[in-house]
């Protein structure tokens, strides 16, 4: 029975794939990590965060107290200094709110007409106290220092 050209080519292709598969299996057997010691498989991080095959030098080690580690944003220290001064950036009399530019931090602080004893206008120098609100700090007990 005569084999066709296509059948011969398929047989050659299958034989080639079997040889390549056997070679890959042999390479995996030679390069596997079985039988290696733990030290040969270990990787270390150096002081810059790069992988290294050598363990770190413990003489240069710096001890860090876990209590000194702060997770999250650093506090701004406003609890001690609640009496502040600033200038009115804007104030809408119809809506009853506006913003004050803090003299020290240059942040915009929300102010509502319920927290003022006088009518506020743009450019007024004011003193106020900070109070933590649901969306940030609010100015309360606002007093106009200069018109």
N, C-alpha and C. Protein backbone atom coordinates (compact mmCIF):
# COMPACT_ATOMS: atom_id res chain seq x y z
N UNK A 1 0.84 -1.17 0.00
CA UNK A 1 0.00 0.00 0.00
C UNK A 1 0.89 1.24 0.00
N UNK A 2 0.63 2.11 -0.89
CA UNK A 2 1.45 3.30 -1.04
C UNK A 2 0.94 4.41 -0.14
N UNK A 3 1.92 5.02 0.57
CA UNK A 3 1.54 6.13 1.44
C UNK A 3 1.55 7.41 0.62
N UNK A 4 0.63 8.27 0.96
CA UNK A 4 0.55 9.54 0.25
C UNK A 4 1.55 10.51 0.85
N UNK A 5 1.79 11.57 0.11
CA UNK A 5 2.74 12.60 0.54
C UNK A 5 2.29 13.25 1.86
N UNK A 6 1.02 13.50 1.97
CA UNK A 6 0.48 14.17 3.17
C UNK A 6 0.67 13.29 4.40
N UNK A 7 0.42 11.98 4.26
CA UNK A 7 0.60 11.07 5.39
C UNK A 7 2.06 11.04 5.82
N UNK A 8 2.99 11.03 4.87
CA UNK A 8 4.41 11.03 5.21
C UNK A 8 4.79 12.30 5.96
N UNK A 9 4.27 13.45 5.51
CA UNK A 9 4.57 14.72 6.16
C UNK A 9 4.01 14.75 7.58
N UNK A 10 2.80 14.23 7.77
CA UNK A 10 2.21 14.18 9.12
C UNK A 10 3.04 13.31 10.05
N UNK A 11 3.51 12.16 9.54
CA UNK A 11 4.35 11.27 10.35
C UNK A 11 5.65 11.95 10.73
N UNK A 12 6.28 12.68 9.78
CA UNK A 12 7.52 13.40 10.08
C UNK A 12 7.27 14.46 11.16
N UNK A 13 6.14 15.18 11.03
CA UNK A 13 5.82 16.24 11.98
C UNK A 13 5.59 15.65 13.38
N UNK A 14 4.87 14.55 13.47
CA UNK A 14 4.62 13.90 14.76
C UNK A 14 5.91 13.39 15.38
N UNK A 15 6.78 12.82 14.58
CA UNK A 15 8.06 12.32 15.08
C UNK A 15 8.92 13.48 15.60
N UNK A 16 8.91 14.60 14.88
CA UNK A 16 9.67 15.78 15.31
C UNK A 16 9.12 16.29 16.64
N UNK A 17 7.80 16.36 16.79
CA UNK A 17 7.17 16.83 18.03
C UNK A 17 7.52 15.90 19.20
N UNK A 18 7.55 14.58 18.96
CA UNK A 18 7.92 13.61 20.01
C UNK A 18 9.36 13.83 20.44
N UNK A 19 10.27 14.05 19.48
CA UNK A 19 11.68 14.31 19.82
C UNK A 19 11.81 15.59 20.65
N UNK A 20 11.10 16.67 20.22
CA UNK A 20 11.18 17.94 20.96
C UNK A 20 10.63 17.79 22.38
N UNK A 21 9.56 17.04 22.52
CA UNK A 21 8.97 16.81 23.83
C UNK A 21 9.93 16.03 24.72
N UNK A 22 10.59 15.03 24.16
CA UNK A 22 11.56 14.24 24.93
C UNK A 22 12.75 15.10 25.34
N UNK A 23 13.21 16.00 24.44
CA UNK A 23 14.31 16.90 24.78
C UNK A 23 13.93 17.85 25.91
N UNK A 24 12.71 18.41 25.84
CA UNK A 24 12.24 19.32 26.90
C UNK A 24 12.16 18.59 28.24
N UNK A 25 11.68 17.35 28.21
CA UNK A 25 11.56 16.57 29.44
C UNK A 25 12.95 16.31 30.02
N UNK A 26 13.91 16.01 29.15
CA UNK A 26 15.28 15.77 29.61
C UNK A 26 15.87 17.04 30.22
N UNK A 27 15.62 18.20 29.61
CA UNK A 27 16.11 19.47 30.15
C UNK A 27 15.49 19.75 31.52
N UNK A 28 14.21 19.49 31.67
CA UNK A 28 13.55 19.72 32.97
C UNK A 28 14.17 18.82 34.05
N UNK A 29 14.49 17.58 33.68
CA UNK A 29 15.11 16.67 34.65
C UNK A 29 16.48 17.17 35.07
N UNK A 30 17.23 17.72 34.12
CA UNK A 30 18.57 18.21 34.44
C UNK A 30 18.54 19.50 35.26
N UNK A 31 17.56 20.37 35.00
CA UNK A 31 17.52 21.68 35.63
C UNK A 31 16.54 21.79 36.80
N UNK A 32 16.04 20.68 37.27
CA UNK A 32 15.07 20.77 38.36
C UNK A 32 15.76 21.14 39.67
N UNK A 33 14.97 21.60 40.64
CA UNK A 33 15.51 22.04 41.94
C UNK A 33 15.49 20.93 42.98
N UNK A 34 15.08 19.74 42.59
CA UNK A 34 15.06 18.64 43.55
C UNK A 34 16.50 18.23 43.86
N UNK A 35 16.76 18.03 45.11
CA UNK A 35 18.09 17.62 45.52
C UNK A 35 19.00 18.79 45.84
N UNK A 36 18.59 20.01 45.49
CA UNK A 36 19.39 21.18 45.85
C UNK A 36 19.13 21.53 47.30
N UNK A 37 20.12 22.12 47.93
CA UNK A 37 19.95 22.50 49.33
C UNK A 37 19.11 23.77 49.41
N UNK A 38 18.63 24.05 50.59
CA UNK A 38 17.82 25.24 50.82
C UNK A 38 18.61 26.51 50.53
N UNK A 39 19.89 26.52 50.88
CA UNK A 39 20.72 27.69 50.64
C UNK A 39 20.89 27.97 49.14
N UNK A 40 20.92 26.92 48.32
CA UNK A 40 21.06 27.12 46.88
C UNK A 40 19.78 27.68 46.25
N UNK A 41 18.64 27.39 46.86
CA UNK A 41 17.36 27.87 46.33
C UNK A 41 16.94 29.21 46.93
N UNK A 42 17.60 29.68 47.96
CA UNK A 42 17.19 30.88 48.70
C UNK A 42 17.55 32.15 47.93
N UNK A 43 16.66 33.14 48.00
CA UNK A 43 16.93 34.47 47.44
C UNK A 43 16.74 35.48 48.56
N UNK A 44 17.54 36.53 48.58
CA UNK A 44 17.51 37.54 49.63
C UNK A 44 17.24 38.90 49.03
N UNK A 45 16.80 39.82 49.87
CA UNK A 45 16.65 41.22 49.46
C UNK A 45 17.75 42.03 50.09
N UNK A 46 18.40 42.89 49.31
CA UNK A 46 19.41 43.77 49.90
C UNK A 46 18.73 45.03 50.44
N UNK A 47 19.54 45.98 50.95
CA UNK A 47 18.99 47.18 51.58
C UNK A 47 18.24 48.08 50.59
N UNK A 48 18.44 47.88 49.30
CA UNK A 48 17.75 48.68 48.29
C UNK A 48 16.52 47.98 47.73
N UNK A 49 16.21 46.77 48.22
CA UNK A 49 15.05 46.03 47.76
C UNK A 49 15.30 45.19 46.53
N UNK A 50 16.57 44.99 46.15
CA UNK A 50 16.92 44.17 44.99
C UNK A 50 17.19 42.74 45.42
N UNK A 51 16.87 41.76 44.54
CA UNK A 51 17.13 40.36 44.85
C UNK A 51 18.62 40.09 44.79
N UNK A 52 19.08 39.26 45.73
CA UNK A 52 20.49 38.92 45.81
C UNK A 52 20.61 37.47 46.22
N UNK A 53 21.71 36.83 45.84
CA UNK A 53 21.93 35.43 46.23
C UNK A 53 22.68 35.35 47.56
N UNK A 54 23.20 36.48 48.03
CA UNK A 54 23.94 36.51 49.30
C UNK A 54 23.04 37.02 50.42
N UNK A 55 23.17 36.47 51.62
CA UNK A 55 22.38 36.98 52.75
C UNK A 55 22.86 38.38 53.13
N UNK A 56 21.98 39.18 53.73
CA UNK A 56 22.36 40.54 54.08
C UNK A 56 23.41 40.57 55.19
N UNK A 57 24.19 41.65 55.23
CA UNK A 57 25.20 41.84 56.26
C UNK A 57 24.51 42.35 57.52
N UNK A 58 24.53 41.57 58.57
CA UNK A 58 23.82 41.92 59.80
C UNK A 58 24.55 42.98 60.62
N UNK A 59 25.78 43.32 60.26
CA UNK A 59 26.50 44.36 61.00
C UNK A 59 25.91 45.74 60.72
N UNK A 60 25.32 45.93 59.55
CA UNK A 60 24.74 47.22 59.19
C UNK A 60 23.26 47.31 59.54
N UNK A 61 22.78 46.39 60.32
CA UNK A 61 21.37 46.30 60.65
C UNK A 61 20.96 47.44 61.58
N UNK A 62 19.80 48.03 61.32
CA UNK A 62 19.26 49.10 62.15
C UNK A 62 17.99 48.57 62.81
N UNK A 63 17.93 48.68 64.12
CA UNK A 63 16.75 48.23 64.86
C UNK A 63 15.68 49.32 64.80
N UNK A 64 14.46 48.95 64.49
CA UNK A 64 13.34 49.87 64.43
C UNK A 64 12.30 49.44 65.45
N UNK A 65 11.86 50.40 66.28
CA UNK A 65 10.83 50.12 67.26
C UNK A 65 9.48 50.09 66.55
N UNK A 66 8.72 49.01 66.65
CA UNK A 66 7.42 48.94 65.96
C UNK A 66 6.46 50.06 66.37
N UNK A 67 6.62 50.60 67.56
CA UNK A 67 5.74 51.69 67.99
C UNK A 67 6.01 52.97 67.20
N UNK A 68 7.19 53.11 66.59
CA UNK A 68 7.51 54.31 65.82
C UNK A 68 6.93 54.30 64.42
N UNK A 69 6.40 53.17 63.98
CA UNK A 69 5.86 53.05 62.63
C UNK A 69 4.44 53.61 62.61
N UNK A 70 4.21 54.60 61.73
CA UNK A 70 2.89 55.22 61.60
C UNK A 70 2.28 54.74 60.30
N UNK A 71 1.11 54.17 60.40
CA UNK A 71 0.41 53.68 59.23
C UNK A 71 -0.69 54.68 58.89
N UNK A 72 -0.74 55.10 57.64
CA UNK A 72 -1.74 56.08 57.21
C UNK A 72 -1.14 57.46 57.12
N UNK A 73 -2.00 58.44 56.96
CA UNK A 73 -1.56 59.82 56.83
C UNK A 73 -1.09 60.35 58.18
N UNK A 74 -0.06 61.17 58.15
CA UNK A 74 0.46 61.75 59.38
C UNK A 74 -0.52 62.81 59.89
N UNK A 75 -0.75 62.86 61.19
CA UNK A 75 -1.65 63.87 61.73
C UNK A 75 -1.07 65.26 61.55
N UNK A 76 -1.93 66.25 61.36
CA UNK A 76 -1.48 67.61 61.12
C UNK A 76 -1.32 68.42 62.40
N UNK A 77 -1.66 67.87 63.54
CA UNK A 77 -1.43 68.55 64.81
C UNK A 77 -2.36 69.73 65.05
N UNK A 78 -3.57 69.68 64.56
CA UNK A 78 -4.52 70.77 64.76
C UNK A 78 -5.21 70.72 66.11
N UNK A 79 -5.13 69.62 66.81
CA UNK A 79 -5.86 69.49 68.06
C UNK A 79 -5.37 70.49 69.11
N UNK A 80 -4.08 70.82 69.06
CA UNK A 80 -3.52 71.72 70.06
C UNK A 80 -3.74 73.18 69.71
N UNK A 81 -3.81 73.50 68.42
CA UNK A 81 -3.88 74.88 67.96
C UNK A 81 -5.20 75.06 67.21
N UNK A 82 -6.32 75.22 67.97
CA UNK A 82 -7.62 75.33 67.32
C UNK A 82 -7.98 76.77 67.01
N UNK A 83 -7.42 77.76 67.69
CA UNK A 83 -7.71 79.17 67.40
C UNK A 83 -6.83 79.63 66.24
N UNK A 84 -7.46 80.03 65.14
CA UNK A 84 -6.73 80.36 63.93
C UNK A 84 -7.20 81.71 63.40
N UNK A 85 -6.43 82.24 62.44
CA UNK A 85 -6.83 83.46 61.74
C UNK A 85 -6.74 83.20 60.24
N UNK A 86 -7.47 84.06 59.49
CA UNK A 86 -7.44 83.92 58.05
C UNK A 86 -8.25 85.01 57.39
N UNK A 87 -8.40 84.89 56.08
CA UNK A 87 -9.15 85.86 55.29
C UNK A 87 -10.31 85.14 54.60
N UNK A 88 -11.44 85.85 54.48
CA UNK A 88 -12.61 85.28 53.82
C UNK A 88 -12.34 85.26 52.32
N UNK A 89 -12.32 84.08 51.74
CA UNK A 89 -12.14 83.93 50.29
C UNK A 89 -13.43 84.27 49.55
N UNK A 90 -14.53 83.71 50.04
CA UNK A 90 -15.83 83.95 49.42
C UNK A 90 -16.89 83.67 50.47
N UNK A 91 -18.02 84.36 50.33
CA UNK A 91 -19.15 84.11 51.22
C UNK A 91 -20.43 84.47 50.48
N UNK A 92 -21.31 83.51 50.33
CA UNK A 92 -22.58 83.71 49.64
C UNK A 92 -23.65 83.93 50.70
N UNK A 93 -24.14 85.17 50.79
CA UNK A 93 -25.14 85.51 51.82
C UNK A 93 -26.45 84.77 51.57
N UNK A 94 -26.82 84.58 50.31
CA UNK A 94 -28.09 83.92 49.99
C UNK A 94 -28.07 82.46 50.43
N UNK A 95 -26.95 81.79 50.21
CA UNK A 95 -26.84 80.37 50.58
C UNK A 95 -26.37 80.18 52.01
N UNK A 96 -25.67 81.17 52.56
CA UNK A 96 -25.28 81.13 53.97
C UNK A 96 -23.98 80.38 54.24
N UNK A 97 -23.12 80.26 53.25
CA UNK A 97 -21.84 79.60 53.51
C UNK A 97 -20.75 80.22 52.66
N UNK A 98 -19.51 79.90 53.02
CA UNK A 98 -18.37 80.40 52.27
C UNK A 98 -17.11 79.68 52.69
N UNK A 99 -15.96 80.27 52.35
CA UNK A 99 -14.68 79.64 52.65
C UNK A 99 -13.71 80.69 53.18
N UNK A 100 -12.88 80.25 54.12
CA UNK A 100 -11.85 81.09 54.71
C UNK A 100 -10.49 80.50 54.33
N UNK A 101 -9.55 81.36 53.93
CA UNK A 101 -8.18 80.92 53.65
C UNK A 101 -7.38 81.04 54.94
N UNK A 102 -6.89 79.92 55.43
CA UNK A 102 -6.12 79.91 56.67
C UNK A 102 -4.78 80.63 56.48
N UNK A 103 -4.39 81.48 57.43
CA UNK A 103 -3.17 82.27 57.30
C UNK A 103 -1.91 81.41 57.33
N UNK A 104 -1.92 80.34 58.11
CA UNK A 104 -0.73 79.51 58.25
C UNK A 104 -0.64 78.44 57.16
N UNK A 105 -1.68 77.65 57.01
CA UNK A 105 -1.61 76.50 56.10
C UNK A 105 -2.09 76.82 54.69
N UNK A 106 -2.74 77.96 54.50
CA UNK A 106 -3.30 78.37 53.20
C UNK A 106 -4.39 77.42 52.70
N UNK A 107 -4.96 76.61 53.58
CA UNK A 107 -6.05 75.72 53.21
C UNK A 107 -7.36 76.48 53.19
N UNK A 108 -8.33 76.01 52.43
CA UNK A 108 -9.67 76.59 52.43
C UNK A 108 -10.50 75.87 53.48
N UNK A 109 -11.06 76.64 54.42
CA UNK A 109 -11.86 76.09 55.51
C UNK A 109 -13.31 76.51 55.29
N UNK A 110 -14.22 75.56 55.36
CA UNK A 110 -15.65 75.83 55.18
C UNK A 110 -16.19 76.61 56.38
N UNK A 111 -17.05 77.59 56.11
CA UNK A 111 -17.70 78.35 57.18
C UNK A 111 -19.18 78.49 56.83
N UNK A 112 -20.04 78.32 57.83
CA UNK A 112 -21.49 78.47 57.65
C UNK A 112 -21.96 79.66 58.45
N UNK A 113 -23.04 80.30 57.99
CA UNK A 113 -23.53 81.51 58.66
C UNK A 113 -24.00 81.24 60.08
N UNK A 114 -24.37 80.01 60.41
CA UNK A 114 -24.77 79.67 61.78
C UNK A 114 -23.60 79.77 62.75
N UNK A 115 -22.37 79.72 62.26
CA UNK A 115 -21.18 79.74 63.11
C UNK A 115 -20.52 81.12 63.17
N UNK A 116 -21.22 82.15 62.68
CA UNK A 116 -20.67 83.51 62.72
C UNK A 116 -21.59 84.40 63.52
N UNK A 117 -21.01 85.41 64.15
CA UNK A 117 -21.81 86.37 64.89
C UNK A 117 -22.04 87.63 64.07
N UNK A 118 -21.28 87.82 63.00
CA UNK A 118 -21.37 89.02 62.16
C UNK A 118 -21.47 88.60 60.70
N UNK A 119 -21.87 89.56 59.87
CA UNK A 119 -21.95 89.31 58.44
C UNK A 119 -20.55 89.27 57.84
N UNK A 120 -20.23 88.23 57.09
CA UNK A 120 -18.91 88.09 56.48
C UNK A 120 -18.93 88.59 55.05
N UNK A 121 -17.82 89.21 54.64
CA UNK A 121 -17.65 89.67 53.28
C UNK A 121 -16.28 89.25 52.80
N UNK A 122 -16.12 89.16 51.49
CA UNK A 122 -14.85 88.76 50.89
C UNK A 122 -13.76 89.73 51.32
N UNK A 123 -12.63 89.19 51.79
CA UNK A 123 -11.49 90.01 52.19
C UNK A 123 -11.43 90.31 53.68
N UNK A 124 -12.49 90.01 54.43
CA UNK A 124 -12.46 90.24 55.89
C UNK A 124 -11.39 89.38 56.54
N UNK A 125 -10.65 89.97 57.50
CA UNK A 125 -9.73 89.18 58.31
C UNK A 125 -10.53 88.67 59.50
N UNK A 126 -10.46 87.38 59.75
CA UNK A 126 -11.28 86.77 60.80
C UNK A 126 -10.43 85.86 61.69
N UNK A 127 -10.92 85.67 62.91
CA UNK A 127 -10.37 84.64 63.79
C UNK A 127 -11.46 83.59 63.96
N UNK A 128 -11.05 82.36 64.11
CA UNK A 128 -12.02 81.27 64.20
C UNK A 128 -11.39 80.08 64.90
N UNK A 129 -12.23 79.12 65.21
CA UNK A 129 -11.77 77.86 65.79
C UNK A 129 -12.08 76.76 64.79
N UNK A 130 -11.23 75.77 64.78
CA UNK A 130 -11.43 74.62 63.89
C UNK A 130 -12.25 73.56 64.59
N UNK A 131 -13.15 72.97 63.84
CA UNK A 131 -13.93 71.86 64.36
C UNK A 131 -14.03 70.82 63.25
N UNK A 132 -13.79 69.57 63.60
CA UNK A 132 -13.84 68.48 62.62
C UNK A 132 -15.28 68.22 62.25
N UNK A 133 -15.56 68.29 60.95
CA UNK A 133 -16.90 68.02 60.43
C UNK A 133 -16.91 66.74 59.64
N UNK A 134 -18.05 66.33 59.07
CA UNK A 134 -18.12 65.08 58.32
C UNK A 134 -17.31 65.09 57.02
N UNK A 135 -17.07 66.28 56.45
CA UNK A 135 -16.33 66.35 55.18
C UNK A 135 -15.00 67.07 55.34
N UNK A 136 -14.54 67.30 56.54
CA UNK A 136 -13.29 68.02 56.76
C UNK A 136 -13.46 69.00 57.90
N UNK A 137 -12.57 69.99 57.96
CA UNK A 137 -12.62 70.97 59.03
C UNK A 137 -13.58 72.10 58.68
N UNK A 138 -14.28 72.59 59.72
CA UNK A 138 -15.19 73.71 59.60
C UNK A 138 -14.72 74.82 60.52
N UNK A 139 -15.01 76.05 60.15
CA UNK A 139 -14.71 77.19 61.00
C UNK A 139 -15.93 77.47 61.88
N UNK A 140 -15.71 77.58 63.20
CA UNK A 140 -16.78 77.90 64.15
C UNK A 140 -16.32 79.07 65.00
N UNK A 141 -17.27 79.72 65.67
CA UNK A 141 -16.99 80.90 66.51
C UNK A 141 -16.19 81.94 65.72
N UNK A 142 -16.66 82.27 64.53
CA UNK A 142 -15.94 83.18 63.65
C UNK A 142 -16.19 84.62 64.11
N UNK A 143 -15.10 85.38 64.28
CA UNK A 143 -15.15 86.79 64.68
C UNK A 143 -14.43 87.62 63.63
N UNK A 144 -15.04 88.72 63.20
CA UNK A 144 -14.39 89.61 62.23
C UNK A 144 -13.38 90.46 62.97
N UNK A 145 -12.11 90.43 62.55
CA UNK A 145 -11.06 91.24 63.17
C UNK A 145 -10.92 92.58 62.46
N UNK A 146 -11.05 92.55 61.14
CA UNK A 146 -10.86 93.77 60.35
C UNK A 146 -11.76 93.67 59.11
N UNK A 147 -12.42 94.76 58.79
CA UNK A 147 -13.32 94.81 57.62
C UNK A 147 -12.55 94.90 56.34
